[in-house]
Amino acid sequence: MKNLLYTIHNLFLASTETVSTTLRHALLIFLKYPEVKDKLHEEIDRVIGQDRMVNMEDKFNMPYTQAVIHEVQRFCDIAPFNVPHMGTDVYTLFCTVHRDSTQFSTPYTFNPNHFLDENGQFKKSDAFVAFSIVCACRFVPDFQYM
Protein backbone atom coordinates (compact mmCIF):
# COMPACT_ATOMS: atom_id res chain seq x y z
CA MET A 1 0.00 0.00 0.00
CA LYS A 2 2.84 2.37 0.86
CA ASN A 3 4.46 1.72 -2.54
CA LEU A 4 1.16 2.44 -4.28
CA LEU A 5 0.86 5.78 -2.48
CA TYR A 6 4.42 6.72 -3.48
CA THR A 7 3.69 5.78 -7.08
CA ILE A 8 0.49 7.85 -7.19
CA HIS A 9 2.27 10.79 -5.55
CA ASN A 10 5.12 10.63 -8.09
CA LEU A 11 2.68 10.34 -10.98
CA PHE A 12 0.82 13.50 -9.99
CA LEU A 13 4.00 15.38 -9.12
CA ALA A 14 5.68 14.50 -12.42
CA SER A 15 2.66 15.35 -14.55
CA THR A 16 2.04 18.73 -12.90
CA GLU A 17 5.72 19.63 -13.13
CA THR A 18 5.98 18.87 -16.86
CA VAL A 19 2.77 20.76 -17.64
CA SER A 20 3.83 23.82 -15.63
CA THR A 21 7.32 23.73 -17.18
CA THR A 22 5.85 23.51 -20.69
CA LEU A 23 3.56 26.46 -19.97
CA ARG A 24 6.37 28.51 -18.46
CA HIS A 25 8.58 27.94 -21.50
CA ALA A 26 5.68 28.65 -23.87
CA LEU A 27 5.05 32.03 -22.21
CA LEU A 28 8.72 32.95 -22.61
CA ILE A 29 8.66 31.88 -26.25
CA PHE A 30 5.53 33.99 -26.87
CA LEU A 31 7.47 37.02 -25.62
CA LYS A 32 10.22 36.38 -28.15
CA TYR A 33 7.94 35.26 -31.00
CA PRO A 34 4.71 37.31 -30.74
CA GLU A 35 3.66 36.19 -34.23
CA VAL A 36 3.42 32.60 -32.92
CA LYS A 37 1.23 33.77 -30.03
CA ASP A 38 -1.00 35.77 -32.41
CA LYS A 39 -1.46 32.83 -34.80
CA LEU A 40 -2.15 30.49 -31.87
CA HIS A 41 -4.71 32.92 -30.42
CA GLU A 42 -6.43 33.22 -33.81
CA GLU A 43 -6.74 29.44 -34.12
CA ILE A 44 -8.14 29.10 -30.59
CA ASP A 45 -10.71 31.84 -31.23
CA ARG A 46 -11.70 30.33 -34.59
CA VAL A 47 -12.11 26.74 -33.33
CA ILE A 48 -13.33 27.21 -29.75
CA GLY A 49 -14.64 30.75 -29.73
CA GLN A 50 -15.51 32.56 -26.54
CA ASP A 51 -18.82 30.95 -25.63
CA ARG A 52 -17.88 27.39 -24.66
CA MET A 53 -15.31 25.30 -22.84
CA VAL A 54 -12.53 23.40 -24.56
CA ASN A 55 -13.04 19.67 -25.12
CA MET A 56 -10.71 16.88 -26.23
CA GLU A 57 -12.19 16.75 -29.73
CA ASP A 58 -11.00 20.31 -30.38
CA LYS A 59 -7.38 19.22 -30.70
CA PHE A 60 -8.11 17.53 -34.03
CA ASN A 61 -9.18 20.91 -35.42
CA MET A 62 -6.20 22.79 -33.98
CA PRO A 63 -3.09 21.64 -35.86
CA TYR A 64 -1.11 24.81 -35.16
CA THR A 65 -1.78 24.56 -31.42
CA GLN A 66 -0.59 20.95 -31.39
CA ALA A 67 2.49 21.93 -33.41
CA VAL A 68 3.33 24.77 -31.00
CA ILE A 69 3.03 22.48 -27.95
CA HIS A 70 5.27 19.85 -29.55
CA GLU A 71 7.78 22.48 -30.66
CA VAL A 72 7.94 24.01 -27.17
CA GLN A 73 8.72 20.58 -25.72
CA ARG A 74 11.27 19.84 -28.47
CA PHE A 75 13.01 23.20 -28.43
CA CYS A 76 13.16 23.59 -24.63
CA ASP A 77 13.99 19.99 -23.66
CA ILE A 78 11.28 19.82 -21.00
CA ALA A 79 12.57 16.42 -19.83
CA PRO A 80 16.21 16.37 -20.99
CA PHE A 81 16.90 12.67 -20.50
CA ASN A 82 15.12 9.37 -20.09
CA VAL A 83 14.83 7.39 -16.86
CA PRO A 84 17.63 4.81 -16.97
CA HIS A 85 16.63 1.19 -16.99
CA MET A 86 17.87 -1.17 -14.31
CA GLY A 87 21.30 -2.56 -15.04
CA THR A 88 22.26 0.00 -17.68
CA ASP A 89 24.46 3.06 -17.64
CA VAL A 90 22.98 4.45 -20.86
CA TYR A 91 21.13 7.75 -20.61
CA THR A 92 19.28 9.00 -23.66
CA LEU A 93 19.86 12.74 -23.99
CA PHE A 94 16.86 13.98 -25.91
CA CYS A 95 18.63 17.18 -26.95
CA THR A 96 20.77 15.13 -29.32
CA VAL A 97 17.65 13.71 -30.94
CA HIS A 98 15.75 17.01 -30.92
CA ARG A 99 18.67 18.89 -32.52
CA ASP A 100 19.18 16.44 -35.38
CA SER A 101 19.32 18.42 -38.63
CA THR A 102 18.30 15.35 -40.62
CA GLN A 103 14.99 15.32 -38.72
CA PHE A 104 14.31 19.03 -38.13
CA SER A 105 15.03 21.61 -40.84
CA THR A 106 16.04 24.32 -38.37
CA PRO A 107 16.97 22.41 -35.20
CA TYR A 108 18.30 25.40 -33.24
CA THR A 109 15.36 27.68 -34.05
CA PHE A 110 11.86 27.65 -32.58
CA ASN A 111 9.74 26.62 -35.56
CA PRO A 112 6.26 25.06 -35.16
CA ASN A 113 6.41 24.14 -38.87
CA HIS A 114 8.57 21.19 -37.83
CA PHE A 115 5.24 19.55 -36.88
CA LEU A 116 3.08 20.75 -39.79
CA ASP A 117 2.80 19.18 -43.23
CA GLU A 118 2.61 21.13 -46.49
CA ASN A 119 -1.17 21.56 -45.99
CA GLY A 120 -0.77 23.02 -42.49
CA GLN A 121 -1.99 19.85 -40.79
CA PHE A 122 -0.33 18.43 -37.69
CA LYS A 123 2.18 15.67 -38.39
CA LYS A 124 3.90 13.48 -35.84
CA SER A 125 7.65 13.15 -35.95
CA ASP A 126 9.44 9.92 -35.06
CA ALA A 127 12.33 12.08 -33.85
CA PHE A 128 10.18 13.81 -31.23
CA VAL A 129 10.54 12.06 -27.87
CA ALA A 130 9.50 14.57 -25.24
CA PHE A 131 9.49 12.25 -22.23
CA SER A 132 10.53 8.73 -23.21
CA ILE A 133 11.53 6.73 -26.23
CA VAL A 134 9.64 3.58 -25.26
CA CYS A 135 8.17 1.93 -22.23
CA ALA A 136 9.97 -1.39 -22.28
CA CYS A 137 7.64 -2.80 -19.63
CA ARG A 138 4.96 -3.05 -22.34
CA PHE A 139 7.16 -5.47 -24.29
CA VAL A 140 9.20 -7.22 -21.59
CA PRO A 141 7.10 -8.55 -18.69
CA ASP A 142 10.02 -8.82 -16.22
CA PHE A 143 11.44 -5.38 -17.04
CA GLN A 144 12.55 -3.32 -14.01
CA TYR A 145 13.46 0.33 -13.59
CA MET A 146 16.31 1.45 -11.31
C-alpha atoms as a PDB file:
ATOM      1  CA  MET A   1       0.000   0.000   0.000  1.00  0.00           C
ATOM      2  CA  LYS A   2       2.837   2.373   0.864  1.00  0.00           C
ATOM      3  CA  ASN A   3       4.464   1.718  -2.536  1.00  0.00           C
ATOM      4  CA  LEU A   4       1.160   2.437  -4.283  1.00  0.00           C
ATOM      5  CA  LEU A   5       0.856   5.777  -2.479  1.00  0.00           C
ATOM      6  CA  TYR A   6       4.415   6.725  -3.481  1.00  0.00           C
ATOM      7  CA  THR A   7       3.687   5.783  -7.083  1.00  0.00           C
ATOM      8  CA  ILE A   8       0.490   7.853  -7.189  1.00  0.00           C
ATOM      9  CA  HIS A   9       2.274  10.794  -5.549  1.00  0.00           C
ATOM     10  CA  ASN A  10       5.120  10.632  -8.094  1.00  0.00           C
ATOM     11  CA  LEU A  11       2.677  10.342 -10.984  1.00  0.00           C
ATOM     12  CA  PHE A  12       0.818  13.503  -9.985  1.00  0.00           C
ATOM     13  CA  LEU A  13       3.999  15.378  -9.119  1.00  0.00           C
ATOM     14  CA  ALA A  14       5.684  14.498 -12.419  1.00  0.00           C
ATOM     15  CA  SER A  15       2.656  15.353 -14.546  1.00  0.00           C
ATOM     16  CA  THR A  16       2.042  18.728 -12.901  1.00  0.00           C
ATOM     17  CA  GLU A  17       5.721  19.630 -13.131  1.00  0.00           C
ATOM     18  CA  THR A  18       5.982  18.867 -16.856  1.00  0.00           C
ATOM     19  CA  VAL A  19       2.767  20.759 -17.636  1.00  0.00           C
ATOM     20  CA  SER A  20       3.831  23.816 -15.635  1.00  0.00           C
ATOM     21  CA  THR A  21       7.318  23.728 -17.178  1.00  0.00           C
ATOM     22  CA  THR A  22       5.854  23.506 -20.687  1.00  0.00           C
ATOM     23  CA  LEU A  23       3.556  26.458 -19.971  1.00  0.00           C
ATOM     24  CA  ARG A  24       6.371  28.508 -18.456  1.00  0.00           C
ATOM     25  CA  HIS A  25       8.584  27.943 -21.503  1.00  0.00           C
ATOM     26  CA  ALA A  26       5.679  28.653 -23.865  1.00  0.00           C
ATOM     27  CA  LEU A  27       5.051  32.029 -22.214  1.00  0.00           C
ATOM     28  CA  LEU A  28       8.722  32.955 -22.610  1.00  0.00           C
ATOM     29  CA  ILE A  29       8.661  31.884 -26.253  1.00  0.00           C
ATOM     30  CA  PHE A  30       5.534  33.993 -26.872  1.00  0.00           C
ATOM     31  CA  LEU A  31       7.466  37.021 -25.616  1.00  0.00           C
ATOM     32  CA  LYS A  32      10.219  36.383 -28.146  1.00  0.00           C
ATOM     33  CA  TYR A  33       7.942  35.265 -30.997  1.00  0.00           C
ATOM     34  CA  PRO A  34       4.707  37.310 -30.739  1.00  0.00           C
ATOM     35  CA  GLU A  35       3.663  36.187 -34.232  1.00  0.00           C
ATOM     36  CA  VAL A  36       3.416  32.604 -32.917  1.00  0.00           C
ATOM     37  CA  LYS A  37       1.226  33.774 -30.025  1.00  0.00           C
ATOM     38  CA  ASP A  38      -0.999  35.765 -32.408  1.00  0.00           C
ATOM     39  CA  LYS A  39      -1.459  32.834 -34.799  1.00  0.00           C
ATOM     40  CA  LEU A  40      -2.150  30.493 -31.871  1.00  0.00           C
ATOM     41  CA  HIS A  41      -4.705  32.922 -30.420  1.00  0.00           C
ATOM     42  CA  GLU A  42      -6.426  33.223 -33.809  1.00  0.00           C
ATOM     43  CA  GLU A  43      -6.738  29.437 -34.122  1.00  0.00           C
ATOM     44  CA  ILE A  44      -8.142  29.101 -30.593  1.00  0.00           C
ATOM     45  CA  ASP A  45     -10.714  31.841 -31.235  1.00  0.00           C
ATOM     46  CA  ARG A  46     -11.697  30.326 -34.590  1.00  0.00           C
ATOM     47  CA  VAL A  47     -12.110  26.745 -33.334  1.00  0.00           C
ATOM     48  CA  ILE A  48     -13.330  27.213 -29.753  1.00  0.00           C
ATOM     49  CA  GLY A  49     -14.644  30.753 -29.733  1.00  0.00           C
ATOM     50  CA  GLN A  50     -15.507  32.562 -26.536  1.00  0.00           C
ATOM     51  CA  ASP A  51     -18.821  30.947 -25.632  1.00  0.00           C
ATOM     52  CA  ARG A  52     -17.878  27.394 -24.660  1.00  0.00           C
ATOM     53  CA  MET A  53     -15.310  25.299 -22.838  1.00  0.00           C
ATOM     54  CA  VAL A  54     -12.532  23.398 -24.563  1.00  0.00           C
ATOM     55  CA  ASN A  55     -13.038  19.669 -25.120  1.00  0.00           C
ATOM     56  CA  MET A  56     -10.708  16.879 -26.232  1.00  0.00           C
ATOM     57  CA  GLU A  57     -12.185  16.751 -29.730  1.00  0.00           C
ATOM     58  CA  ASP A  58     -10.996  20.312 -30.382  1.00  0.00           C
ATOM     59  CA  LYS A  59      -7.377  19.218 -30.702  1.00  0.00           C
ATOM     60  CA  PHE A  60      -8.114  17.530 -34.030  1.00  0.00           C
ATOM     61  CA  ASN A  61      -9.179  20.911 -35.424  1.00  0.00           C
ATOM     62  CA  MET A  62      -6.198  22.788 -33.983  1.00  0.00           C
ATOM     63  CA  PRO A  63      -3.086  21.637 -35.855  1.00  0.00           C
ATOM     64  CA  TYR A  64      -1.114  24.809 -35.162  1.00  0.00           C
ATOM     65  CA  THR A  65      -1.781  24.564 -31.424  1.00  0.00           C
ATOM     66  CA  GLN A  66      -0.588  20.954 -31.387  1.00  0.00           C
ATOM     67  CA  ALA A  67       2.490  21.931 -33.408  1.00  0.00           C
ATOM     68  CA  VAL A  68       3.332  24.769 -30.996  1.00  0.00           C
ATOM     69  CA  ILE A  69       3.033  22.483 -27.947  1.00  0.00           C
ATOM     70  CA  HIS A  70       5.268  19.852 -29.549  1.00  0.00           C
ATOM     71  CA  GLU A  71       7.783  22.480 -30.657  1.00  0.00           C
ATOM     72  CA  VAL A  72       7.945  24.010 -27.169  1.00  0.00           C
ATOM     73  CA  GLN A  73       8.724  20.583 -25.725  1.00  0.00           C
ATOM     74  CA  ARG A  74      11.271  19.835 -28.472  1.00  0.00           C
ATOM     75  CA  PHE A  75      13.010  23.202 -28.430  1.00  0.00           C
ATOM     76  CA  CYS A  76      13.159  23.590 -24.635  1.00  0.00           C
ATOM     77  CA  ASP A  77      13.990  19.994 -23.660  1.00  0.00           C
ATOM     78  CA  ILE A  78      11.279  19.823 -20.998  1.00  0.00           C
ATOM     79  CA  ALA A  79      12.571  16.416 -19.833  1.00  0.00           C
ATOM     80  CA  PRO A  80      16.214  16.370 -20.992  1.00  0.00           C
ATOM     81  CA  PHE A  81      16.899  12.666 -20.495  1.00  0.00           C
ATOM     82  CA  ASN A  82      15.116   9.370 -20.091  1.00  0.00           C
ATOM     83  CA  VAL A  83      14.832   7.387 -16.858  1.00  0.00           C
ATOM     84  CA  PRO A  84      17.633   4.811 -16.974  1.00  0.00           C
ATOM     85  CA  HIS A  85      16.635   1.193 -16.993  1.00  0.00           C
ATOM     86  CA  MET A  86      17.865  -1.173 -14.306  1.00  0.00           C
ATOM     87  CA  GLY A  87      21.300  -2.557 -15.036  1.00  0.00           C
ATOM     88  CA  THR A  88      22.259   0.001 -17.684  1.00  0.00           C
ATOM     89  CA  ASP A  89      24.464   3.060 -17.637  1.00  0.00           C
ATOM     90  CA  VAL A  90      22.977   4.449 -20.856  1.00  0.00           C
ATOM     91  CA  TYR A  91      21.126   7.751 -20.614  1.00  0.00           C
ATOM     92  CA  THR A  92      19.284   8.996 -23.664  1.00  0.00           C
ATOM     93  CA  LEU A  93      19.863  12.736 -23.991  1.00  0.00           C
ATOM     94  CA  PHE A  94      16.859  13.979 -25.910  1.00  0.00           C
ATOM     95  CA  CYS A  95      18.626  17.182 -26.950  1.00  0.00           C
ATOM     96  CA  THR A  96      20.771  15.127 -29.322  1.00  0.00           C
ATOM     97  CA  VAL A  97      17.654  13.705 -30.943  1.00  0.00           C
ATOM     98  CA  HIS A  98      15.754  17.005 -30.915  1.00  0.00           C
ATOM     99  CA  ARG A  99      18.668  18.894 -32.522  1.00  0.00           C
ATOM    100  CA  ASP A 100      19.183  16.436 -35.375  1.00  0.00           C
ATOM    101  CA  SER A 101      19.324  18.425 -38.627  1.00  0.00           C
ATOM    102  CA  THR A 102      18.297  15.347 -40.617  1.00  0.00           C
ATOM    103  CA  GLN A 103      14.985  15.323 -38.719  1.00  0.00           C
ATOM    104  CA  PHE A 104      14.310  19.027 -38.131  1.00  0.00           C
ATOM    105  CA  SER A 105      15.034  21.606 -40.838  1.00  0.00           C
ATOM    106  CA  THR A 106      16.035  24.318 -38.367  1.00  0.00           C
ATOM    107  CA  PRO A 107      16.970  22.409 -35.195  1.00  0.00           C
ATOM    108  CA  TYR A 108      18.302  25.404 -33.239  1.00  0.00           C
ATOM    109  CA  THR A 109      15.363  27.679 -34.054  1.00  0.00           C
ATOM    110  CA  PHE A 110      11.862  27.652 -32.578  1.00  0.00           C
ATOM    111  CA  ASN A 111       9.745  26.624 -35.558  1.00  0.00           C
ATOM    112  CA  PRO A 112       6.259  25.065 -35.164  1.00  0.00           C
ATOM    113  CA  ASN A 113       6.408  24.144 -38.870  1.00  0.00           C
ATOM    114  CA  HIS A 114       8.567  21.188 -37.832  1.00  0.00           C
ATOM    115  CA  PHE A 115       5.241  19.554 -36.880  1.00  0.00           C
ATOM    116  CA  LEU A 116       3.085  20.746 -39.788  1.00  0.00           C
ATOM    117  CA  ASP A 117       2.799  19.179 -43.226  1.00  0.00           C
ATOM    118  CA  GLU A 118       2.610  21.126 -46.491  1.00  0.00           C
ATOM    119  CA  ASN A 119      -1.168  21.565 -45.985  1.00  0.00           C
ATOM    120  CA  GLY A 120      -0.766  23.023 -42.493  1.00  0.00           C
ATOM    121  CA  GLN A 121      -1.994  19.847 -40.795  1.00  0.00           C
ATOM    122  CA  PHE A 122      -0.329  18.426 -37.693  1.00  0.00           C
ATOM    123  CA  LYS A 123       2.182  15.666 -38.389  1.00  0.00           C
ATOM    124  CA  LYS A 124       3.896  13.482 -35.843  1.00  0.00           C
ATOM    125  CA  SER A 125       7.651  13.147 -35.953  1.00  0.00           C
ATOM    126  CA  ASP A 126       9.437   9.922 -35.062  1.00  0.00           C
ATOM    127  CA  ALA A 127      12.333  12.080 -33.853  1.00  0.00           C
ATOM    128  CA  PHE A 128      10.183  13.813 -31.226  1.00  0.00           C
ATOM    129  CA  VAL A 129      10.538  12.057 -27.868  1.00  0.00           C
ATOM    130  CA  ALA A 130       9.500  14.573 -25.235  1.00  0.00           C
ATOM    131  CA  PHE A 131       9.487  12.246 -22.234  1.00  0.00           C
ATOM    132  CA  SER A 132      10.534   8.731 -23.208  1.00  0.00           C
ATOM    133  CA  ILE A 133      11.533   6.728 -26.225  1.00  0.00           C
ATOM    134  CA  VAL A 134       9.643   3.579 -25.258  1.00  0.00           C
ATOM    135  CA  CYS A 135       8.173   1.931 -22.228  1.00  0.00           C
ATOM    136  CA  ALA A 136       9.974  -1.388 -22.280  1.00  0.00           C
ATOM    137  CA  CYS A 137       7.636  -2.801 -19.625  1.00  0.00           C
ATOM    138  CA  ARG A 138       4.963  -3.051 -22.336  1.00  0.00           C
ATOM    139  CA  PHE A 139       7.161  -5.471 -24.285  1.00  0.00           C
ATOM    140  CA  VAL A 140       9.205  -7.221 -21.586  1.00  0.00           C
ATOM    141  CA  PRO A 141       7.099  -8.548 -18.687  1.00  0.00           C
ATOM    142  CA  ASP A 142      10.022  -8.824 -16.218  1.00  0.00           C
ATOM    143  CA  PHE A 143      11.441  -5.385 -17.039  1.00  0.00           C
ATOM    144  CA  GLN A 144      12.550  -3.324 -14.014  1.00  0.00           C
ATOM    145  CA  TYR A 145      13.457   0.334 -13.593  1.00  0.00           C
ATOM    146  CA  MET A 146      16.307   1.449 -11.310  1.00  0.00           C
END
